[in-house]
N, C-alpha and C. Protein backbone atom coordinates (compact mmCIF):
# COMPACT_ATOMS: atom_id res chain seq x y z
N UNK A 1 109.92 112.31 104.28
CA UNK A 1 108.58 111.74 104.27
C UNK A 1 108.12 111.54 105.70
N UNK A 2 107.09 112.26 106.08
CA UNK A 2 106.57 112.16 107.43
C UNK A 2 105.57 111.02 107.56
N UNK A 3 105.16 110.82 108.79
CA UNK A 3 104.23 109.73 109.06
C UNK A 3 102.87 109.99 108.42
N UNK A 4 102.49 111.26 108.25
CA UNK A 4 101.18 111.56 107.69
C UNK A 4 101.13 111.29 106.19
N UNK A 5 102.28 111.13 105.53
CA UNK A 5 102.28 110.83 104.10
C UNK A 5 102.01 109.36 103.83
N UNK A 6 102.27 108.48 104.80
CA UNK A 6 102.04 107.05 104.56
C UNK A 6 100.70 106.58 105.11
N UNK A 7 100.02 107.39 105.90
CA UNK A 7 98.75 106.96 106.48
C UNK A 7 97.66 106.70 105.44
N UNK A 8 97.54 107.50 104.35
CA UNK A 8 96.55 107.12 103.33
C UNK A 8 96.86 105.75 102.71
N UNK A 9 98.13 105.42 102.58
CA UNK A 9 98.51 104.10 102.07
C UNK A 9 98.07 103.00 103.01
N UNK A 10 98.17 103.25 104.30
CA UNK A 10 97.71 102.27 105.28
C UNK A 10 96.20 102.10 105.17
N UNK A 11 95.49 103.21 104.94
CA UNK A 11 94.04 103.13 104.76
C UNK A 11 93.66 102.28 103.55
N UNK A 12 94.36 102.50 102.44
CA UNK A 12 94.10 101.71 101.24
C UNK A 12 94.43 100.24 101.49
N UNK A 13 95.52 99.97 102.19
CA UNK A 13 95.90 98.59 102.53
C UNK A 13 94.82 97.93 103.39
N UNK A 14 94.28 98.65 104.36
CA UNK A 14 93.23 98.08 105.20
C UNK A 14 91.97 97.78 104.39
N UNK A 15 91.64 98.64 103.43
CA UNK A 15 90.47 98.38 102.58
C UNK A 15 90.71 97.13 101.74
N UNK A 16 91.91 96.98 101.19
CA UNK A 16 92.23 95.79 100.39
C UNK A 16 92.16 94.53 101.25
N UNK A 17 92.69 94.60 102.47
CA UNK A 17 92.61 93.45 103.38
C UNK A 17 91.15 93.12 103.68
N UNK A 18 90.33 94.16 103.89
CA UNK A 18 88.90 93.93 104.12
C UNK A 18 88.22 93.26 102.94
N UNK A 19 88.58 93.65 101.73
CA UNK A 19 88.00 93.02 100.53
C UNK A 19 88.42 91.55 100.46
N UNK A 20 89.68 91.27 100.76
CA UNK A 20 90.16 89.88 100.74
C UNK A 20 89.43 89.05 101.78
N UNK A 21 89.24 89.60 102.98
CA UNK A 21 88.50 88.89 104.02
C UNK A 21 87.07 88.65 103.58
N UNK A 22 86.46 89.65 102.92
CA UNK A 22 85.09 89.49 102.43
C UNK A 22 84.98 88.39 101.38
N UNK A 23 85.94 88.33 100.47
CA UNK A 23 85.94 87.26 99.46
C UNK A 23 86.11 85.91 100.13
N UNK A 24 87.01 85.82 101.10
CA UNK A 24 87.21 84.56 101.83
C UNK A 24 85.93 84.16 102.54
N UNK A 25 85.24 85.14 103.14
CA UNK A 25 83.99 84.85 103.86
C UNK A 25 82.93 84.31 102.90
N UNK A 26 82.80 84.92 101.73
CA UNK A 26 81.81 84.45 100.76
C UNK A 26 82.14 83.03 100.31
N UNK A 27 83.41 82.77 100.01
CA UNK A 27 83.80 81.42 99.58
C UNK A 27 83.60 80.41 100.69
N UNK A 28 83.89 80.80 101.93
CA UNK A 28 83.75 79.89 103.07
C UNK A 28 82.28 79.54 103.30
N UNK A 29 81.40 80.53 103.20
CA UNK A 29 79.98 80.28 103.43
C UNK A 29 79.38 79.49 102.27
N UNK A 30 79.78 79.82 101.04
CA UNK A 30 79.24 79.12 99.87
C UNK A 30 79.68 77.65 99.86
N UNK A 31 80.91 77.39 100.28
CA UNK A 31 81.40 76.02 100.27
C UNK A 31 80.68 75.20 101.34
N UNK A 32 80.43 75.81 102.50
CA UNK A 32 79.75 75.16 103.63
C UNK A 32 80.42 73.84 104.01
N UNK A 33 81.71 73.75 103.76
CA UNK A 33 82.46 72.56 104.13
C UNK A 33 83.15 72.83 105.45
N UNK A 34 82.88 72.02 106.44
CA UNK A 34 83.40 72.22 107.79
C UNK A 34 83.06 73.63 108.26
N UNK A 35 81.78 73.96 108.20
CA UNK A 35 81.31 75.29 108.56
C UNK A 35 81.62 75.57 110.03
N UNK A 36 82.25 76.70 110.27
CA UNK A 36 82.62 77.09 111.62
C UNK A 36 82.05 78.48 111.90
N UNK A 37 81.17 78.55 112.86
CA UNK A 37 80.56 79.84 113.20
C UNK A 37 81.60 80.80 113.76
N UNK A 38 82.58 80.29 114.49
CA UNK A 38 83.62 81.15 115.05
C UNK A 38 84.43 81.83 113.95
N UNK A 39 84.74 81.08 112.88
CA UNK A 39 85.50 81.67 111.77
C UNK A 39 84.68 82.73 111.06
N UNK A 40 83.40 82.48 110.90
CA UNK A 40 82.54 83.45 110.21
C UNK A 40 82.41 84.72 111.04
N UNK A 41 82.21 84.57 112.34
CA UNK A 41 82.10 85.74 113.22
C UNK A 41 83.40 86.53 113.21
N UNK A 42 84.54 85.82 113.29
CA UNK A 42 85.84 86.50 113.25
C UNK A 42 86.04 87.22 111.92
N UNK A 43 85.61 86.60 110.82
CA UNK A 43 85.76 87.22 109.51
C UNK A 43 84.88 88.46 109.38
N UNK A 44 83.66 88.40 109.90
CA UNK A 44 82.77 89.57 109.81
C UNK A 44 83.32 90.72 110.64
N UNK A 45 83.81 90.42 111.84
CA UNK A 45 84.39 91.48 112.68
C UNK A 45 85.64 92.05 112.01
N UNK A 46 86.50 91.19 111.48
CA UNK A 46 87.71 91.67 110.81
C UNK A 46 87.37 92.50 109.58
N UNK A 47 86.38 92.05 108.83
CA UNK A 47 85.95 92.78 107.63
C UNK A 47 85.47 94.18 107.99
N UNK A 48 84.62 94.26 108.99
CA UNK A 48 84.08 95.58 109.36
C UNK A 48 85.16 96.48 109.93
N UNK A 49 86.07 95.94 110.73
CA UNK A 49 87.15 96.75 111.28
C UNK A 49 88.10 97.25 110.19
N UNK A 50 88.50 96.35 109.29
CA UNK A 50 89.43 96.75 108.23
C UNK A 50 88.81 97.79 107.31
N UNK A 51 87.58 97.56 106.89
CA UNK A 51 86.94 98.52 106.00
C UNK A 51 86.70 99.85 106.72
N UNK A 52 86.25 99.78 107.96
CA UNK A 52 85.97 101.00 108.71
C UNK A 52 87.21 101.84 108.95
N UNK A 53 88.27 101.21 109.45
CA UNK A 53 89.50 101.95 109.70
C UNK A 53 90.15 102.42 108.41
N UNK A 54 90.06 101.61 107.35
CA UNK A 54 90.62 102.02 106.07
C UNK A 54 89.95 103.26 105.52
N UNK A 55 88.62 103.28 105.55
CA UNK A 55 87.89 104.45 105.07
C UNK A 55 88.15 105.65 105.97
N UNK A 56 88.23 105.41 107.28
CA UNK A 56 88.50 106.51 108.21
C UNK A 56 89.88 107.11 107.97
N UNK A 57 90.89 106.26 107.76
CA UNK A 57 92.23 106.77 107.47
C UNK A 57 92.22 107.62 106.21
N UNK A 58 91.51 107.17 105.17
CA UNK A 58 91.47 107.94 103.93
C UNK A 58 90.74 109.26 104.12
N UNK A 59 89.66 109.25 104.89
CA UNK A 59 88.89 110.49 105.08
C UNK A 59 89.67 111.51 105.91
N UNK A 60 90.43 111.05 106.88
CA UNK A 60 91.14 111.97 107.76
C UNK A 60 92.45 112.45 107.14
N UNK A 61 93.22 111.54 106.58
CA UNK A 61 94.59 111.86 106.21
C UNK A 61 94.82 112.08 104.73
N UNK A 62 93.79 111.99 103.89
CA UNK A 62 94.02 112.15 102.46
C UNK A 62 93.57 113.50 102.01
């Protein structure tokens, strides 16, 4: 099993992590309890990076 056989799995994992971060972001904003702009900005950046790299891995290596 070469490295190129596990890269689509990494892409799927990154997409799942992005979905989890998105759900956390929605719950965090809806709760508005101890609202932290830094956490929201970090979550948005993490969400976009995870989803972007996950989709890119799937498009290139699958």
